[in-house]
Every structure is written in structure tokens, then in C-alpha cells.
Amino acid sequence: MSYDDNNIFAKILRGEMPAHKIFEDDQTFAFLDIMPRSKGHTLVIPKKPSVNMMDIDPDTLCTLIRSVHRLAPLVRKAMAADGFVIQQFNEAAAGQMVFHTHFHIVPRYAGVALKHAASEMENEDVLSTTAELIKSEVDKQLS
């Protein structure tokens, strides 16, 4: 599969689509999933185009996972979650829906089931408030 420059994440990176950004550096971008499986569900993507693990270059992958590693505990703390799940899917058969490499940071709360993937659009006000909570924690810890 070749990379599609018109996928939703490519459009977000170009500023053609809105996103609730929580972190950005020169190589990665993190933002809230608009159909979260739990409150605070964050996506972390590389700025360099790749479809998934089968075509991402190793240096980009290392940089991407470093961002995931830095952000996951901050998302957990900001959301007062009991834990978190890191997910990464490759190809449609495995559950990949957007064909731009990405990791999911999904906060987990004891006794609370995850929503089904891509099942319910979150309210814009909730997303804005959640993004500010996480961004505040990220800015505090990473600046």
C-alpha cells in the first residue's frame, strides 16, 4: 500500500483539518482522538509520512515511540486514570482505520469498559476541556 497524502492525519499535519493538539515537536504530533475509547484517548503520529510499521523507517519509529513514552504517563496523570493502554494497528485486517502510522494512548479507569473503536463522536466542548487538561500537564513537565 502506498501512502495517501489525503488521509485525515496528513490533512491535520498540513492544517487543513482541525485537531485538539496536546504536543508537537519537530518530528511528532499528538492530539485527541475525536471518537475516543476513553476520556483522554490520545493519538501520536510522526510528521514524516508512512502507512504503518511495514514502511516506517527505523529512526522515525524510534522518535515516535520516544514521544509515546514521554506522553503516556502525562496523559495518565492529567486524566487521573488508573492506567493506560498503548495500541498500534497495521492494515485494515488488524484494525487500522487511518493509513498513517500512529499510536494510541488510551487511559484506563478501574471498572470502566472501553467504548468500541470509532463508535461515538465526542462533544467538542469535552474535547477542548480534555485537551487543555492534558496540554497543561505536558507543558508543565516538558518545558
N, C-alpha and C. Protein backbone atom coordinates (compact mmCIF):
# COMPACT_ATOMS: atom_id res chain seq x y z
N MET A 1 0.85 -1.18 0.00
CA MET A 1 0.00 0.00 0.00
C MET A 1 0.89 1.24 0.00
N SER A 2 0.59 2.18 -0.85
CA SER A 2 1.35 3.42 -0.87
C SER A 2 0.67 4.47 0.01
N TYR A 3 1.46 5.43 0.45
CA TYR A 3 0.97 6.48 1.34
C TYR A 3 0.02 7.41 0.59
N ASP A 4 -1.12 7.71 1.19
CA ASP A 4 -2.11 8.62 0.63
C ASP A 4 -1.98 9.98 1.31
N ASP A 5 -1.50 10.97 0.57
CA ASP A 5 -1.32 12.32 1.12
C ASP A 5 -2.63 12.99 1.53
N ASN A 6 -3.75 12.38 1.21
CA ASN A 6 -5.05 12.95 1.56
C ASN A 6 -5.71 12.25 2.74
N ASN A 7 -4.95 11.41 3.47
CA ASN A 7 -5.55 10.79 4.66
C ASN A 7 -5.76 11.87 5.72
N ILE A 8 -6.65 11.61 6.66
CA ILE A 8 -7.04 12.62 7.64
C ILE A 8 -5.86 13.13 8.47
N PHE A 9 -4.91 12.28 8.81
CA PHE A 9 -3.77 12.72 9.62
C PHE A 9 -2.84 13.62 8.81
N ALA A 10 -2.67 13.33 7.53
CA ALA A 10 -1.86 14.20 6.67
C ALA A 10 -2.52 15.58 6.58
N LYS A 11 -3.84 15.60 6.48
CA LYS A 11 -4.56 16.87 6.43
C LYS A 11 -4.43 17.63 7.76
N ILE A 12 -4.47 16.93 8.87
CA ILE A 12 -4.26 17.57 10.17
C ILE A 12 -2.87 18.18 10.23
N LEU A 13 -1.87 17.43 9.81
CA LEU A 13 -0.49 17.94 9.84
C LEU A 13 -0.32 19.19 8.97
N ARG A 14 -1.04 19.25 7.86
CA ARG A 14 -0.96 20.41 6.97
C ARG A 14 -1.85 21.57 7.44
N GLY A 15 -2.62 21.36 8.49
CA GLY A 15 -3.52 22.39 8.99
C GLY A 15 -4.81 22.51 8.21
N GLU A 16 -5.12 21.51 7.39
CA GLU A 16 -6.34 21.53 6.59
C GLU A 16 -7.55 21.00 7.35
N MET A 17 -7.31 20.29 8.44
CA MET A 17 -8.35 19.76 9.31
C MET A 17 -7.99 20.14 10.74
N PRO A 18 -8.99 20.44 11.56
CA PRO A 18 -8.69 20.81 12.95
C PRO A 18 -8.31 19.60 13.79
N ALA A 19 -7.59 19.86 14.87
CA ALA A 19 -7.23 18.82 15.83
C ALA A 19 -7.04 19.47 17.19
N HIS A 20 -7.30 18.71 18.23
CA HIS A 20 -7.07 19.17 19.59
C HIS A 20 -5.65 18.77 19.98
N LYS A 21 -4.70 19.61 19.62
CA LYS A 21 -3.28 19.33 19.82
C LYS A 21 -2.93 19.35 21.29
N ILE A 22 -2.13 18.35 21.69
CA ILE A 22 -1.62 18.38 23.06
C ILE A 22 -0.09 18.46 23.09
N PHE A 23 0.56 18.13 21.98
CA PHE A 23 2.03 18.16 21.93
C PHE A 23 2.49 18.18 20.48
N GLU A 24 3.59 18.89 20.27
CA GLU A 24 4.21 18.90 18.95
C GLU A 24 5.68 19.19 19.12
N ASP A 25 6.50 18.45 18.39
CA ASP A 25 7.92 18.79 18.26
C ASP A 25 8.25 18.75 16.77
N ASP A 26 9.52 18.76 16.43
CA ASP A 26 9.87 18.83 15.01
C ASP A 26 9.57 17.55 14.24
N GLN A 27 9.34 16.42 14.94
CA GLN A 27 9.12 15.16 14.24
C GLN A 27 7.81 14.45 14.57
N THR A 28 7.15 14.85 15.65
CA THR A 28 5.92 14.16 16.05
C THR A 28 4.82 15.15 16.41
N PHE A 29 3.60 14.66 16.41
CA PHE A 29 2.43 15.47 16.71
C PHE A 29 1.45 14.59 17.50
N ALA A 30 0.90 15.12 18.60
CA ALA A 30 -0.05 14.36 19.42
C ALA A 30 -1.34 15.17 19.57
N PHE A 31 -2.46 14.49 19.46
CA PHE A 31 -3.76 15.15 19.52
C PHE A 31 -4.80 14.15 20.01
N LEU A 32 -5.95 14.67 20.42
CA LEU A 32 -7.02 13.80 20.91
C LEU A 32 -7.75 13.10 19.78
N ASP A 33 -8.13 11.87 20.03
CA ASP A 33 -8.99 11.13 19.12
C ASP A 33 -10.40 11.71 19.26
N ILE A 34 -11.05 12.04 18.16
CA ILE A 34 -12.38 12.65 18.23
C ILE A 34 -13.47 11.61 18.50
N MET A 35 -13.11 10.33 18.40
CA MET A 35 -14.03 9.25 18.77
C MET A 35 -13.31 8.38 19.80
N PRO A 36 -13.11 8.94 21.00
CA PRO A 36 -12.26 8.26 21.98
C PRO A 36 -12.88 6.98 22.55
N ARG A 37 -12.00 6.03 22.84
CA ARG A 37 -12.42 4.80 23.51
C ARG A 37 -12.55 5.04 25.01
N SER A 38 -11.86 6.09 25.51
CA SER A 38 -11.99 6.54 26.89
C SER A 38 -11.58 8.02 26.92
N LYS A 39 -11.96 8.69 28.01
CA LYS A 39 -11.64 10.11 28.13
C LYS A 39 -10.12 10.31 28.15
N GLY A 40 -9.63 11.16 27.24
CA GLY A 40 -8.20 11.42 27.14
C GLY A 40 -7.48 10.62 26.07
N HIS A 41 -8.21 9.82 25.31
CA HIS A 41 -7.62 8.99 24.24
C HIS A 41 -6.83 9.88 23.29
N THR A 42 -5.53 9.65 23.25
CA THR A 42 -4.60 10.48 22.50
C THR A 42 -3.94 9.70 21.38
N LEU A 43 -3.74 10.35 20.25
CA LEU A 43 -3.04 9.77 19.11
C LEU A 43 -1.69 10.46 18.97
N VAL A 44 -0.66 9.68 18.68
CA VAL A 44 0.68 10.23 18.46
C VAL A 44 1.13 9.76 17.09
N ILE A 45 1.49 10.73 16.24
CA ILE A 45 1.84 10.42 14.85
C ILE A 45 3.19 11.03 14.49
N PRO A 46 3.89 10.40 13.53
CA PRO A 46 5.10 11.04 13.01
C PRO A 46 4.70 12.08 11.96
N LYS A 47 5.51 13.10 11.83
CA LYS A 47 5.26 14.08 10.77
C LYS A 47 5.71 13.54 9.41
N LYS A 48 6.68 12.66 9.43
CA LYS A 48 7.16 12.06 8.19
C LYS A 48 6.16 10.99 7.74
N PRO A 49 5.73 11.03 6.49
CA PRO A 49 4.72 10.08 6.01
C PRO A 49 5.18 8.62 6.06
N SER A 50 4.29 7.77 6.54
CA SER A 50 4.44 6.32 6.45
C SER A 50 3.05 5.73 6.70
N VAL A 51 2.80 4.58 6.12
CA VAL A 51 1.50 3.94 6.25
C VAL A 51 1.37 3.24 7.59
N ASN A 52 2.38 2.44 7.94
CA ASN A 52 2.36 1.68 9.18
C ASN A 52 3.74 1.10 9.46
N MET A 53 3.82 0.11 10.33
CA MET A 53 5.11 -0.45 10.73
C MET A 53 5.88 -1.10 9.58
N MET A 54 5.20 -1.41 8.51
CA MET A 54 5.87 -2.08 7.40
C MET A 54 6.66 -1.13 6.52
N ASP A 55 6.40 0.18 6.62
CA ASP A 55 7.17 1.09 5.77
C ASP A 55 7.79 2.27 6.52
N ILE A 56 7.58 2.37 7.83
CA ILE A 56 8.19 3.46 8.58
C ILE A 56 9.69 3.19 8.72
N ASP A 57 10.49 4.23 8.57
CA ASP A 57 11.92 4.00 8.72
C ASP A 57 12.25 3.90 10.22
N PRO A 58 13.26 3.12 10.57
CA PRO A 58 13.57 2.85 11.97
C PRO A 58 13.85 4.10 12.81
N ASP A 59 14.52 5.09 12.25
CA ASP A 59 14.80 6.31 13.02
C ASP A 59 13.51 7.06 13.36
N THR A 60 12.60 7.13 12.41
CA THR A 60 11.31 7.78 12.65
C THR A 60 10.52 7.01 13.71
N LEU A 61 10.55 5.69 13.62
CA LEU A 61 9.86 4.87 14.61
C LEU A 61 10.43 5.10 16.01
N CYS A 62 11.75 5.17 16.11
CA CYS A 62 12.38 5.41 17.42
C CYS A 62 11.95 6.76 17.99
N THR A 63 11.93 7.78 17.16
CA THR A 63 11.50 9.10 17.60
C THR A 63 10.03 9.08 18.02
N LEU A 64 9.20 8.39 17.24
CA LEU A 64 7.78 8.29 17.54
C LEU A 64 7.53 7.60 18.88
N ILE A 65 8.19 6.47 19.10
CA ILE A 65 7.96 5.74 20.34
C ILE A 65 8.53 6.52 21.54
N ARG A 66 9.57 7.31 21.34
CA ARG A 66 10.06 8.17 22.43
C ARG A 66 8.98 9.18 22.83
N SER A 67 8.30 9.74 21.84
CA SER A 67 7.20 10.68 22.15
C SER A 67 6.08 9.96 22.89
N VAL A 68 5.73 8.76 22.46
CA VAL A 68 4.69 7.98 23.15
C VAL A 68 5.13 7.72 24.59
N HIS A 69 6.38 7.34 24.77
CA HIS A 69 6.92 7.05 26.09
C HIS A 69 6.87 8.27 27.01
N ARG A 70 7.16 9.43 26.48
CA ARG A 70 7.12 10.67 27.26
C ARG A 70 5.69 11.09 27.58
N LEU A 71 4.79 10.93 26.62
CA LEU A 71 3.43 11.44 26.77
C LEU A 71 2.49 10.54 27.57
N ALA A 72 2.63 9.23 27.45
CA ALA A 72 1.67 8.32 28.08
C ALA A 72 1.50 8.56 29.59
N PRO A 73 2.59 8.66 30.36
CA PRO A 73 2.38 8.90 31.79
C PRO A 73 1.79 10.28 32.08
N LEU A 74 2.04 11.25 31.20
CA LEU A 74 1.48 12.59 31.40
C LEU A 74 -0.02 12.60 31.11
N VAL A 75 -0.42 11.86 30.09
CA VAL A 75 -1.85 11.72 29.78
C VAL A 75 -2.54 11.04 30.97
N ARG A 76 -1.92 9.97 31.47
CA ARG A 76 -2.49 9.26 32.62
C ARG A 76 -2.66 10.19 33.81
N LYS A 77 -1.62 10.96 34.11
CA LYS A 77 -1.67 11.86 35.25
C LYS A 77 -2.73 12.95 35.05
N ALA A 78 -2.74 13.57 33.90
CA ALA A 78 -3.69 14.65 33.63
C ALA A 78 -5.14 14.17 33.72
N MET A 79 -5.37 12.94 33.31
CA MET A 79 -6.72 12.40 33.28
C MET A 79 -7.08 11.66 34.57
N ALA A 80 -6.15 11.60 35.53
CA ALA A 80 -6.36 10.86 36.78
C ALA A 80 -6.83 9.43 36.48
N ALA A 81 -6.19 8.82 35.49
CA ALA A 81 -6.52 7.45 35.09
C ALA A 81 -5.77 6.46 35.99
N ASP A 82 -6.29 5.26 36.04
CA ASP A 82 -5.67 4.21 36.84
C ASP A 82 -4.56 3.49 36.08
N GLY A 83 -4.52 3.66 34.79
CA GLY A 83 -3.51 3.04 33.93
C GLY A 83 -3.72 3.51 32.50
N PHE A 84 -3.02 2.87 31.57
CA PHE A 84 -3.21 3.21 30.16
C PHE A 84 -2.83 2.02 29.29
N VAL A 85 -3.38 2.02 28.09
CA VAL A 85 -3.07 1.02 27.07
C VAL A 85 -2.42 1.75 25.91
N ILE A 86 -1.38 1.15 25.35
CA ILE A 86 -0.77 1.65 24.12
C ILE A 86 -1.19 0.68 23.01
N GLN A 87 -1.76 1.22 21.93
CA GLN A 87 -2.17 0.39 20.80
C GLN A 87 -1.57 0.91 19.51
N GLN A 88 -1.30 -0.03 18.60
CA GLN A 88 -0.79 0.33 17.28
C GLN A 88 -1.25 -0.77 16.32
N PHE A 89 -1.94 -0.39 15.25
CA PHE A 89 -2.53 -1.35 14.32
C PHE A 89 -1.88 -1.25 12.95
N ASN A 90 -1.79 -2.39 12.26
CA ASN A 90 -1.17 -2.45 10.94
C ASN A 90 -2.06 -3.19 9.96
N GLU A 91 -2.60 -2.45 9.01
CA GLU A 91 -3.50 -2.93 7.97
C GLU A 91 -4.94 -3.04 8.48
N ALA A 92 -5.86 -2.97 7.55
CA ALA A 92 -7.29 -2.99 7.88
C ALA A 92 -7.68 -4.25 8.64
N ALA A 93 -7.12 -5.38 8.26
CA ALA A 93 -7.47 -6.64 8.92
C ALA A 93 -7.11 -6.63 10.40
N ALA A 94 -6.15 -5.79 10.78
CA ALA A 94 -5.72 -5.70 12.18
C ALA A 94 -6.42 -4.56 12.91
N GLY A 95 -7.26 -3.81 12.21
CA GLY A 95 -7.99 -2.72 12.84
C GLY A 95 -7.51 -1.33 12.50
N GLN A 96 -6.51 -1.21 11.61
CA GLN A 96 -6.03 0.12 11.22
C GLN A 96 -7.11 0.80 10.39
N MET A 97 -7.47 2.02 10.79
CA MET A 97 -8.51 2.78 10.08
C MET A 97 -7.95 3.97 9.33
N VAL A 98 -6.88 4.56 9.83
CA VAL A 98 -6.22 5.67 9.15
C VAL A 98 -4.83 5.17 8.76
N PHE A 99 -4.51 5.27 7.50
CA PHE A 99 -3.28 4.67 6.99
C PHE A 99 -2.13 5.67 7.00
N HIS A 100 -1.85 6.14 8.21
CA HIS A 100 -0.69 6.96 8.57
C HIS A 100 -0.26 6.38 9.91
N THR A 101 0.98 5.95 10.03
CA THR A 101 1.44 5.31 11.26
C THR A 101 1.04 6.14 12.47
N HIS A 102 0.50 5.46 13.48
CA HIS A 102 0.13 6.16 14.71
C HIS A 102 0.01 5.19 15.87
N PHE A 103 0.19 5.75 17.05
CA PHE A 103 0.00 5.02 18.30
C PHE A 103 -1.17 5.65 19.05
N HIS A 104 -1.90 4.82 19.77
CA HIS A 104 -2.99 5.26 20.62
C HIS A 104 -2.52 5.18 22.07
N ILE A 105 -2.73 6.24 22.82
CA ILE A 105 -2.58 6.21 24.27
C ILE A 105 -4.00 6.27 24.82
N VAL A 106 -4.44 5.17 25.42
CA VAL A 106 -5.82 5.07 25.88
C VAL A 106 -5.84 4.97 27.40
N PRO A 107 -6.23 6.05 28.09
CA PRO A 107 -6.33 5.99 29.55
C PRO A 107 -7.35 4.93 29.97
N ARG A 108 -7.04 4.24 31.07
CA ARG A 108 -7.95 3.22 31.60
C ARG A 108 -8.35 3.58 33.02
N TYR A 109 -9.60 3.34 33.31
CA TYR A 109 -10.19 3.64 34.61
C TYR A 109 -10.77 2.35 35.18
N ALA A 110 -10.40 2.02 36.41
CA ALA A 110 -10.86 0.78 37.04
C ALA A 110 -12.38 0.67 36.96
N GLY A 111 -12.84 -0.48 36.47
CA GLY A 111 -14.27 -0.74 36.42
C GLY A 111 -15.02 -0.09 35.27
N VAL A 112 -14.31 0.63 34.38
CA VAL A 112 -14.95 1.31 33.26
C VAL A 112 -14.53 0.63 31.96
N ALA A 113 -15.51 0.13 31.23
CA ALA A 113 -15.23 -0.54 29.95
C ALA A 113 -14.85 0.48 28.88
N LEU A 114 -14.02 0.04 27.95
CA LEU A 114 -13.68 0.88 26.80
C LEU A 114 -14.86 0.95 25.84
N LYS A 115 -15.04 2.09 25.21
CA LYS A 115 -16.01 2.20 24.13
C LYS A 115 -15.46 1.45 22.92
N HIS A 116 -16.33 1.06 22.02
CA HIS A 116 -15.88 0.44 20.78
C HIS A 116 -15.15 1.48 19.93
N ALA A 117 -14.17 1.05 19.18
CA ALA A 117 -13.38 1.94 18.33
C ALA A 117 -14.28 2.65 17.32
N ALA A 118 -14.02 3.94 17.15
CA ALA A 118 -14.72 4.77 16.15
C ALA A 118 -16.24 4.64 16.25
N SER A 119 -16.75 4.60 17.48
CA SER A 119 -18.18 4.37 17.64
C SER A 119 -18.99 5.62 17.94
N GLU A 120 -18.37 6.61 18.59
CA GLU A 120 -19.16 7.77 19.02
C GLU A 120 -18.29 9.04 19.00
N MET A 121 -18.76 10.03 18.27
CA MET A 121 -18.06 11.31 18.22
C MET A 121 -18.22 12.02 19.56
N GLU A 122 -17.09 12.50 20.10
CA GLU A 122 -17.13 13.21 21.38
C GLU A 122 -17.58 14.65 21.17
N ASN A 123 -18.24 15.21 22.16
CA ASN A 123 -18.67 16.60 22.17
C ASN A 123 -17.45 17.52 22.08
N GLU A 124 -17.54 18.53 21.27
CA GLU A 124 -16.42 19.47 21.04
C GLU A 124 -15.96 20.15 22.34
N ASP A 125 -16.89 20.53 23.19
CA ASP A 125 -16.52 21.17 24.46
C ASP A 125 -15.75 20.21 25.37
N VAL A 126 -16.16 18.96 25.38
CA VAL A 126 -15.44 17.95 26.17
C VAL A 126 -14.03 17.77 25.63
N LEU A 127 -13.90 17.70 24.32
CA LEU A 127 -12.57 17.55 23.72
C LEU A 127 -11.69 18.75 24.06
N SER A 128 -12.22 19.95 23.97
CA SER A 128 -11.44 21.16 24.27
C SER A 128 -10.97 21.16 25.72
N THR A 129 -11.87 20.84 26.63
CA THR A 129 -11.53 20.80 28.06
C THR A 129 -10.48 19.72 28.33
N THR A 130 -10.68 18.56 27.75
CA THR A 130 -9.74 17.45 27.93
C THR A 130 -8.37 17.81 27.37
N ALA A 131 -8.34 18.40 26.19
CA ALA A 131 -7.07 18.79 25.58
C ALA A 131 -6.32 19.79 26.46
N GLU A 132 -7.04 20.73 27.02
CA GLU A 132 -6.39 21.72 27.89
C GLU A 132 -5.81 21.08 29.15
N LEU A 133 -6.52 20.12 29.72
CA LEU A 133 -6.00 19.41 30.90
C LEU A 133 -4.69 18.70 30.59
N ILE A 134 -4.70 17.96 29.48
CA ILE A 134 -3.50 17.20 29.11
C ILE A 134 -2.38 18.14 28.70
N LYS A 135 -2.70 19.13 27.88
CA LYS A 135 -1.69 20.09 27.42
C LYS A 135 -1.04 20.81 28.59
N SER A 136 -1.82 21.15 29.59
CA SER A 136 -1.29 21.82 30.78
C SER A 136 -0.25 20.93 31.47
N GLU A 137 -0.56 19.65 31.62
CA GLU A 137 0.38 18.71 32.24
C GLU A 137 1.62 18.52 31.38
N VAL A 138 1.43 18.41 30.08
CA VAL A 138 2.56 18.27 29.15
C VAL A 138 3.45 19.49 29.22
N ASP A 139 2.86 20.68 29.16
CA ASP A 139 3.65 21.91 29.21
C ASP A 139 4.42 22.03 30.53
N LYS A 140 3.79 21.63 31.62
CA LYS A 140 4.42 21.69 32.93
C LYS A 140 5.64 20.76 33.01
N GLN A 141 5.50 19.56 32.46
CA GLN A 141 6.55 18.55 32.58
C GLN A 141 7.62 18.62 31.51
N LEU A 142 7.27 19.10 30.32
CA LEU A 142 8.21 19.06 29.20
C LEU A 142 8.80 20.39 28.81
N SER A 143 8.46 21.47 29.54
CA SER A 143 9.03 22.78 29.15
C SER A 143 10.20 23.15 30.03
